[in-house]
Amino acid sequence: MNTSRRRFLQSGGALVIAFNLPVAIGPAIAADEKSFAPNAYIRIDPNGRVTMIVAYVEMGQGTYTSIPMLIAEELEVPLTSVRVEHAPPDERYYGNPLLGGIQATGNSNAVRGAWEPMRRAGAAARTMLVQAAAQRWRVDAASCRAENGAVIHPASGRRLKYGALVADAAKLPVPAADSLKLKPREQFKLIGTPAKRLDIAGKVNGTAQYGIDAKVPGMKVATIAISPVIGGRLRSVDEAPAKAVRGVRQIVRLDDAVAVVADHMGAAKKGLAALKIEWDDGPNATLSTADLLRDMEAASGASGAIARQEGDVAKALAGAATRAEAVYGVPFFAHATMEPMNATVHVRKDSCEIWTGTQVMTRVQAAAAKVAGLPVDKVTVHNHLLGGGFGRRLEVDGVV
């Protein structure tokens, strides 16, 4: 989806700052007399509300708090004044610099990838707000400072909240990346301190929205049974008992799965339980954990790819005074998420809309576009909180 500049404006008179990774760059663009509206990481409304659009998904690891902390530190706003929005799929703005520019959350590198770009985003917004206040007061910007969501002129005691400055700040050019002054570590107020997670209230009171919570008018619900063995196939299924369940609308057969489509979850679950399925377990029918460990042990004795080479290991081992040898093994574990894999999809003649929770939004968008036979910009992806990822939600099979 090529997101329009106006898409990020939910109300008039907002200050929106946009940057490309891995450093903060890009000119300010005046969408109207009160707003600055390119694609964005930061939006400040006239009422002073600060919204941060986060490119890294929240799946329990705390990114919807840690990434805003980076921005808020430089922007000089309290974390309690921040609200968070999911970023749309757009690798021009939201690509992960440590994953080759792919818009993905994984490999435990979100904070490392966002560390400098997001701090620069906050610093740029702070600089523009200070400049706007200085121009209004007709003083040198160097004589002003930002603090607690406001700009202060200590010499005169004047103070303006950010909300009162967004219209003027939006007309200013975004400062060049190399001109921004980031705070030294000794001046950090948020980074490195304990913080209450911004997503915790919704998770406690039940208002947090996960992909599985998506509700669309007229939608049907499907439950699915997949071959219990990797490589297995669907041999046969007796659909009659499932079709007899009230609310069941359709039985869908796939090569390695069968799904029940119904009016609601209750009917879909009952219908699935009523199916009489016979599986062909295929070549892995008798595969066991012992087989996997044996194969891995054999593979470990063969030559492998060299990720890093330093020193002479063979020589060091040969000359070692003491040698300890041990073999450690763990069973095969599935990347099972706490929230079941899910997606809600509405395919129209000329567009496709998806509600899900994914670690790879642009991959979901591209895969859906291919299956639906649509241009990528005709596919809209609404991402949600993830009930665990563990790498499983790096796959897009649930959407396809």
Protein backbone atom coordinates (compact mmCIF):
# COMPACT_ATOMS: atom_id res chain seq x y z
CA MET A 1 0.00 0.00 0.00
CA ASN A 2 1.47 3.34 -1.03
CA THR A 3 0.11 5.31 1.88
CA SER A 4 -0.97 8.85 1.06
CA ARG A 5 0.44 11.75 3.03
CA ARG A 6 -2.99 12.58 4.34
CA ARG A 7 -3.66 9.07 5.60
CA PHE A 8 -1.81 9.78 8.83
CA LEU A 9 -3.87 12.85 9.63
CA GLN A 10 -6.81 11.86 11.77
CA SER A 11 -7.64 15.48 12.60
CA GLY A 12 -6.73 18.91 11.27
CA GLY A 13 -3.80 20.90 12.56
CA ALA A 14 -1.50 17.99 13.33
CA LEU A 15 2.28 18.03 13.14
CA VAL A 16 3.55 14.89 11.45
CA ILE A 17 7.24 14.09 11.03
CA ALA A 18 8.52 11.52 8.53
CA PHE A 19 11.96 10.03 8.05
CA ASN A 20 13.55 7.31 6.01
CA LEU A 21 15.67 4.68 7.72
CA PRO A 22 18.44 4.31 8.65
CA VAL A 23 18.76 8.06 9.29
CA ALA A 24 16.21 10.81 9.62
CA ILE A 25 15.87 12.78 6.39
CA GLY A 26 13.23 14.40 4.21
CA PRO A 27 11.70 17.83 3.72
CA ALA A 28 8.60 19.10 5.46
CA ILE A 29 5.53 19.25 3.24
CA ALA A 30 2.67 21.59 4.08
CA ALA A 31 -0.60 19.80 3.34
CA ASP A 32 -2.62 22.86 4.41
CA GLU A 33 -2.16 25.99 6.47
CA LYS A 34 -2.07 24.11 9.78
CA SER A 35 -0.56 20.69 9.12
CA PHE A 36 2.68 19.03 8.08
CA ALA A 37 1.75 15.71 6.56
CA PRO A 38 4.17 13.26 4.96
CA ASN A 39 4.19 9.60 6.07
CA ALA A 40 5.14 9.63 9.70
CA TYR A 41 6.51 8.28 12.94
CA ILE A 42 5.29 11.19 15.02
CA ARG A 43 2.01 13.06 15.06
CA ILE A 44 1.23 15.89 17.48
CA ASP A 45 -2.31 17.22 17.53
CA PRO A 46 -3.30 20.77 18.49
CA ASN A 47 -4.47 19.44 21.85
CA GLY A 48 -0.93 18.25 22.53
CA ARG A 49 -1.64 14.54 22.14
CA VAL A 50 1.44 12.73 20.86
CA THR A 51 0.93 9.71 18.60
CA MET A 52 3.82 7.49 17.61
CA ILE A 53 3.52 5.17 14.63
CA VAL A 54 5.66 2.14 15.43
CA ALA A 55 7.11 -0.03 12.68
CA TYR A 56 8.02 -2.93 14.97
CA VAL A 57 5.10 -5.11 16.01
CA GLU A 58 4.15 -5.82 19.60
CA MET A 59 4.02 -9.52 20.41
CA GLY A 60 4.72 -9.42 24.11
CA GLN A 61 8.33 -8.28 23.96
CA GLY A 62 7.59 -4.64 24.78
CA THR A 63 8.32 -2.81 21.52
CA TYR A 64 5.24 -0.61 21.90
CA THR A 65 6.92 0.84 24.96
CA SER A 66 10.66 0.64 24.18
CA ILE A 67 10.45 2.23 20.72
CA PRO A 68 8.26 5.15 21.91
CA MET A 69 10.76 5.65 24.76
CA LEU A 70 13.48 6.33 22.18
CA ILE A 71 11.36 8.99 20.48
CA ALA A 72 9.97 10.48 23.69
CA GLU A 73 13.46 10.82 25.16
CA GLU A 74 14.54 13.20 22.41
CA LEU A 75 11.12 14.80 21.93
CA GLU A 76 11.02 15.67 25.64
CA VAL A 77 7.55 14.34 26.37
CA PRO A 78 6.48 12.06 29.22
CA LEU A 79 5.73 8.50 28.17
CA THR A 80 2.30 8.78 29.79
CA SER A 81 1.29 11.34 27.15
CA VAL A 82 2.02 8.99 24.25
CA ARG A 83 -0.38 6.79 22.30
CA VAL A 84 0.79 4.18 19.81
CA GLU A 85 -0.45 3.20 16.36
CA HIS A 86 0.55 0.28 14.17
CA ALA A 87 2.54 1.32 11.11
CA PRO A 88 1.07 0.41 7.71
CA PRO A 89 3.06 -1.74 5.27
CA ASP A 90 5.56 0.58 3.61
CA GLU A 91 9.24 -0.34 3.49
CA ARG A 92 10.23 3.13 2.30
CA TYR A 93 9.64 4.37 5.84
CA TYR A 94 9.33 1.30 8.03
CA GLY A 95 12.01 -1.10 6.78
CA ASN A 96 14.24 -2.69 9.41
CA PRO A 97 17.81 -1.48 8.71
CA LEU A 98 19.27 -4.58 10.34
CA LEU A 99 17.22 -6.91 8.12
CA GLY A 100 18.14 -5.41 4.79
CA GLY A 101 15.31 -2.90 4.78
CA ILE A 102 12.55 -5.48 5.05
CA GLN A 103 9.62 -4.36 7.19
CA ALA A 104 9.89 -7.15 9.72
CA THR A 105 10.11 -7.69 13.45
CA GLY A 106 12.38 -10.56 14.38
CA ASN A 107 15.91 -11.62 15.25
CA SER A 108 15.65 -9.67 18.54
CA ASN A 109 16.93 -6.49 16.91
CA ALA A 110 14.05 -3.99 17.09
CA VAL A 111 15.65 -1.66 19.64
CA ARG A 112 19.06 -1.91 17.99
CA GLY A 113 17.53 -1.12 14.59
CA ALA A 114 15.46 1.77 15.92
CA TRP A 115 18.04 3.18 18.36
CA GLU A 116 19.40 6.01 16.23
CA PRO A 117 16.63 6.57 13.64
CA MET A 118 13.87 6.97 16.21
CA ARG A 119 15.96 9.21 18.44
CA ARG A 120 16.67 11.37 15.41
CA ALA A 121 12.95 11.48 14.66
CA GLY A 122 12.28 12.79 18.16
CA ALA A 123 15.16 15.25 18.00
CA ALA A 124 13.97 16.65 14.67
CA ALA A 125 10.45 17.22 15.98
CA ARG A 126 11.83 18.85 19.14
CA THR A 127 14.08 21.12 17.07
CA MET A 128 11.19 22.25 14.88
CA LEU A 129 8.94 22.96 17.87
CA VAL A 130 11.66 24.98 19.61
CA GLN A 131 12.27 26.92 16.40
CA ALA A 132 8.56 27.64 16.05
CA ALA A 133 8.38 29.00 19.59
CA ALA A 134 11.53 31.07 19.12
CA GLN A 135 10.14 32.67 15.98
CA ARG A 136 6.89 33.52 17.73
CA TRP A 137 8.74 35.12 20.65
CA ARG A 138 11.34 36.70 18.34
CA VAL A 139 14.25 35.22 20.27
CA ASP A 140 17.20 33.01 19.45
CA ALA A 141 16.24 29.32 19.39
CA ALA A 142 19.39 28.58 21.38
CA SER A 143 17.90 30.52 24.30
CA CYS A 144 14.91 28.15 24.46
CA ARG A 145 14.61 24.57 25.57
CA ALA A 146 12.05 21.76 25.37
CA GLU A 147 10.75 20.18 28.54
CA ASN A 148 7.78 18.00 29.46
CA GLY A 149 5.83 18.58 26.24
CA ALA A 150 6.45 22.32 26.08
CA VAL A 151 9.00 24.90 24.94
CA ILE A 152 10.37 27.25 27.59
CA HIS A 153 12.22 30.55 27.34
CA PRO A 154 13.97 30.69 30.73
CA ALA A 155 15.05 34.32 30.45
CA SER A 156 11.48 35.62 30.19
CA GLY A 157 9.65 32.73 31.82
CA ARG A 158 7.50 32.23 28.74
CA ARG A 159 6.18 28.75 28.03
CA LEU A 160 4.14 27.20 25.20
CA LYS A 161 2.83 23.66 25.04
CA TYR A 162 3.56 21.63 21.92
CA GLY A 163 -0.07 21.64 20.84
CA ALA A 164 -0.02 25.41 20.52
CA LEU A 165 3.02 25.25 18.25
CA VAL A 166 2.20 22.46 15.77
CA ALA A 167 0.69 24.70 13.09
CA ASP A 168 3.78 26.92 12.99
CA ALA A 169 6.23 24.03 13.32
CA ALA A 170 4.54 22.24 10.43
CA LYS A 171 5.58 25.05 8.08
CA LEU A 172 9.27 24.66 8.89
CA PRO A 173 11.70 22.47 6.95
CA VAL A 174 12.75 19.20 8.56
CA PRO A 175 16.34 19.70 9.76
CA ALA A 176 19.10 17.73 8.07
CA ALA A 177 20.06 14.54 9.83
CA ASP A 178 23.65 15.63 10.41
CA SER A 179 22.50 18.86 12.03
CA LEU A 180 20.54 17.17 14.81
CA LYS A 181 22.02 17.09 18.28
CA LEU A 182 21.14 13.91 20.18
CA LYS A 183 21.16 13.88 23.97
CA PRO A 184 24.23 12.37 25.66
CA ARG A 185 23.57 9.34 27.83
CA GLU A 186 24.05 11.25 31.05
CA GLN A 187 21.02 13.38 30.17
CA PHE A 188 18.64 10.47 29.54
CA LYS A 189 15.43 10.69 31.56
CA LEU A 190 13.53 7.71 30.06
CA ILE A 191 16.00 5.42 28.35
CA GLY A 192 17.43 2.93 30.82
CA THR A 193 14.71 3.48 33.42
CA PRO A 194 11.81 1.22 34.45
CA ALA A 195 8.65 2.14 32.54
CA LYS A 196 5.04 1.12 32.67
CA ARG A 197 4.18 -0.58 29.41
CA LEU A 198 1.87 1.40 27.16
CA ASP A 199 0.00 -1.73 26.05
CA ILE A 200 -0.66 -3.22 29.47
CA ALA A 201 -3.91 -1.42 30.35
CA GLY A 202 -5.73 -2.72 27.29
CA LYS A 203 -4.48 -6.23 27.93
CA VAL A 204 -5.72 -6.11 31.50
CA ASN A 205 -9.15 -4.63 30.82
CA GLY A 206 -9.80 -6.60 27.64
CA THR A 207 -9.88 -3.73 25.17
CA ALA A 208 -6.61 -4.71 23.45
CA GLN A 209 -7.28 -5.89 19.91
CA TYR A 210 -5.52 -8.94 18.51
CA GLY A 211 -5.94 -10.30 15.01
CA ILE A 212 -8.34 -12.95 16.26
CA ASP A 213 -10.61 -10.18 17.64
CA ALA A 214 -11.30 -8.70 14.19
CA LYS A 215 -14.99 -8.31 13.44
CA VAL A 216 -16.24 -7.36 9.99
CA PRO A 217 -19.92 -7.01 9.05
CA GLY A 218 -21.16 -10.15 7.30
CA MET A 219 -18.01 -12.15 8.01
CA LYS A 220 -17.96 -15.93 8.32
CA VAL A 221 -15.73 -17.93 10.64
CA ALA A 222 -13.62 -20.91 9.61
CA THR A 223 -11.91 -23.58 11.69
CA ILE A 224 -9.31 -25.84 10.17
CA ALA A 225 -7.83 -29.29 10.72
CA ILE A 226 -4.33 -29.74 9.31
CA SER A 227 -2.44 -32.98 8.77
CA PRO A 228 -0.81 -33.88 12.11
CA VAL A 229 2.34 -34.98 10.26
CA ILE A 230 4.54 -32.74 8.14
CA GLY A 231 4.18 -33.90 4.56
CA GLY A 232 0.89 -35.65 5.25
CA ARG A 233 -2.13 -35.42 2.97
CA LEU A 234 -5.90 -35.52 3.26
CA ARG A 235 -7.00 -39.00 2.23
CA SER A 236 -10.75 -38.74 2.76
CA VAL A 237 -13.37 -36.91 4.80
CA ASP A 238 -17.01 -37.58 5.58
CA GLU A 239 -18.64 -34.13 5.42
CA ALA A 240 -22.21 -35.17 6.27
CA PRO A 241 -21.96 -34.90 10.09
CA ALA A 242 -20.48 -31.41 9.84
CA LYS A 243 -23.06 -30.19 7.34
CA ALA A 244 -25.78 -31.30 9.74
CA VAL A 245 -24.57 -28.74 12.32
CA ARG A 246 -26.74 -25.64 12.30
CA GLY A 247 -24.82 -22.62 11.03
CA VAL A 248 -22.25 -24.56 8.99
CA ARG A 249 -22.13 -23.17 5.45
CA GLN A 250 -19.30 -24.89 3.63
CA ILE A 251 -16.61 -27.56 3.85
CA VAL A 252 -13.36 -26.67 2.08
CA ARG A 253 -10.85 -29.38 1.20
CA LEU A 254 -7.16 -28.62 0.71
CA ASP A 255 -4.28 -30.97 -0.07
CA ASP A 256 -3.20 -31.26 3.56
CA ALA A 257 -6.15 -29.75 5.46
CA VAL A 258 -9.90 -29.38 5.66
CA ALA A 259 -11.81 -26.31 6.85
CA VAL A 260 -15.34 -25.71 8.09
CA VAL A 261 -16.92 -22.34 7.27
CA ALA A 262 -19.81 -21.27 9.47
CA ASP A 263 -21.84 -18.28 10.66
CA HIS A 264 -20.06 -18.15 14.01
CA MET A 265 -17.25 -19.77 15.99
CA GLY A 266 -19.51 -22.15 17.89
CA ALA A 267 -20.87 -23.72 14.72
CA ALA A 268 -17.43 -23.81 13.09
CA LYS A 269 -15.93 -25.66 16.08
CA LYS A 270 -18.81 -28.14 16.31
CA GLY A 271 -18.67 -28.75 12.58
CA LEU A 272 -14.95 -29.40 12.65
CA ALA A 273 -15.30 -31.80 15.56
CA ALA A 274 -18.02 -33.68 13.65
CA LEU A 275 -15.89 -34.28 10.57
CA LYS A 276 -14.65 -37.82 10.05
CA ILE A 277 -11.18 -37.34 8.62
CA GLU A 278 -8.69 -39.93 7.39
CA TRP A 279 -5.13 -38.76 6.88
CA ASP A 280 -2.32 -40.16 4.75
CA ASP A 281 0.69 -39.47 6.99
CA GLY A 282 3.10 -39.80 4.07
CA PRO A 283 6.87 -40.35 4.28
CA ASN A 284 7.17 -38.95 7.81
CA ALA A 285 4.55 -41.25 9.34
CA THR A 286 7.02 -42.94 11.68
CA LEU A 287 9.46 -40.04 12.17
CA SER A 288 10.36 -39.63 15.86
CA THR A 289 12.37 -37.26 18.03
CA ALA A 290 15.08 -39.91 18.20
CA ASP A 291 15.28 -39.90 14.40
CA LEU A 292 15.62 -36.14 14.33
CA LEU A 293 18.39 -36.13 16.96
CA ARG A 294 20.24 -38.87 15.12
CA ASP A 295 20.07 -36.94 11.85
CA MET A 296 21.24 -33.73 13.53
CA GLU A 297 24.14 -35.52 15.18
CA ALA A 298 25.23 -36.89 11.82
CA ALA A 299 24.90 -33.46 10.21
CA SER A 300 27.00 -31.85 12.96
CA GLY A 301 29.92 -34.06 12.01
CA ALA A 302 29.93 -32.84 8.42
CA SER A 303 31.43 -29.64 7.09
CA GLY A 304 29.28 -26.56 7.50
CA ALA A 305 29.16 -22.92 6.53
CA ILE A 306 31.69 -20.70 8.29
CA ALA A 307 30.11 -17.62 9.86
CA ARG A 308 33.31 -16.40 11.50
CA GLN A 309 36.87 -17.70 11.66
CA GLU A 310 39.33 -16.50 14.27
CA GLY A 311 42.48 -18.27 15.41
CA ASP A 312 43.34 -21.94 14.93
CA VAL A 313 40.77 -24.07 16.75
CA ALA A 314 42.38 -27.40 15.91
CA LYS A 315 45.77 -26.26 17.21
CA ALA A 316 44.26 -24.82 20.38
CA LEU A 317 42.39 -28.03 21.13
CA ALA A 318 45.46 -30.16 20.47
CA GLY A 319 47.51 -28.16 22.94
CA ALA A 320 44.83 -27.83 25.61
CA ALA A 321 45.80 -29.11 29.08
CA THR A 322 42.21 -30.15 29.77
CA ARG A 323 39.44 -31.03 27.35
CA ALA A 324 35.74 -31.40 28.17
CA GLU A 325 33.33 -33.02 25.74
CA ALA A 326 29.55 -33.15 26.01
CA VAL A 327 26.58 -33.50 23.70
CA TYR A 328 23.38 -31.62 24.49
CA GLY A 329 20.08 -32.33 22.78
CA VAL A 330 16.57 -30.92 23.00
CA PRO A 331 13.40 -32.32 21.49
CA PHE A 332 11.77 -30.82 18.43
CA PHE A 333 9.46 -27.97 19.45
CA ALA A 334 6.81 -26.31 17.34
CA HIS A 335 6.70 -22.52 17.20
CA ALA A 336 3.24 -22.56 18.74
CA THR A 337 1.79 -19.13 19.45
CA MET A 338 -0.52 -18.45 22.38
CA GLU A 339 -2.98 -16.69 20.08
CA PRO A 340 -3.97 -19.18 17.35
CA MET A 341 -2.85 -18.28 13.84
CA ASN A 342 -5.62 -16.28 12.20
CA ALA A 343 -6.55 -13.83 9.49
CA THR A 344 -9.73 -12.14 8.33
CA VAL A 345 -9.79 -11.32 4.62
CA HIS A 346 -12.31 -9.45 2.49
CA VAL A 347 -11.63 -9.88 -1.23
CA ARG A 348 -13.49 -7.61 -3.61
CA LYS A 349 -13.28 -7.30 -7.37
CA ASP A 350 -10.77 -4.49 -7.25
CA SER A 351 -9.32 -4.63 -3.74
CA CYS A 352 -8.45 -6.80 -0.77
CA GLU A 353 -8.53 -5.97 2.93
CA ILE A 354 -6.81 -8.02 5.64
CA TRP A 355 -7.03 -7.98 9.43
CA THR A 356 -4.34 -10.05 11.13
CA GLY A 357 -1.32 -10.03 13.43
CA THR A 358 1.95 -10.52 11.55
CA GLN A 359 5.67 -9.94 11.95
CA VAL A 360 6.03 -9.21 8.20
CA MET A 361 3.36 -6.81 6.97
CA THR A 362 4.76 -6.22 3.50
CA ARG A 363 5.13 -9.96 2.88
CA VAL A 364 1.49 -10.44 3.85
CA GLN A 365 0.51 -7.64 1.50
CA ALA A 366 2.56 -9.03 -1.40
CA ALA A 367 1.35 -12.62 -0.89
CA ALA A 368 -2.29 -11.55 -0.77
CA ALA A 369 -1.86 -9.42 -3.89
CA LYS A 370 -0.41 -12.38 -5.77
CA VAL A 371 -3.19 -14.78 -4.74
CA ALA A 372 -5.95 -12.26 -5.41
CA GLY A 373 -4.43 -11.12 -8.70
CA LEU A 374 -4.34 -7.49 -7.58
CA PRO A 375 -1.72 -4.73 -7.58
CA VAL A 376 0.03 -4.46 -4.22
CA ASP A 377 -1.36 -0.99 -3.62
CA LYS A 378 -4.89 -2.40 -3.75
CA VAL A 379 -4.24 -4.59 -0.69
CA THR A 380 -4.78 -2.98 2.71
CA VAL A 381 -3.34 -4.67 5.80
CA HIS A 382 -4.60 -3.85 9.28
CA ASN A 383 -2.07 -5.16 11.78
CA HIS A 384 -2.98 -5.90 15.39
CA LEU A 385 -1.28 -6.95 18.60
CA LEU A 386 0.24 -10.42 18.33
CA GLY A 387 -0.43 -13.09 20.92
CA GLY A 388 3.13 -14.35 20.60
CA GLY A 389 5.22 -14.66 17.46
CA PHE A 390 8.28 -16.85 18.06
CA GLY A 391 9.08 -16.64 14.34
CA ARG A 392 5.86 -18.46 13.42
CA ARG A 393 4.26 -15.20 12.36
CA LEU A 394 7.12 -14.57 9.95
CA GLU A 395 5.17 -16.95 7.72
CA VAL A 396 2.17 -15.81 5.69
CA ASP A 397 0.43 -19.14 5.07
CA GLY A 398 -2.46 -18.22 7.36
CA VAL A 399 -3.34 -15.27 5.17
CA VAL A 400 -2.87 -17.08 1.86
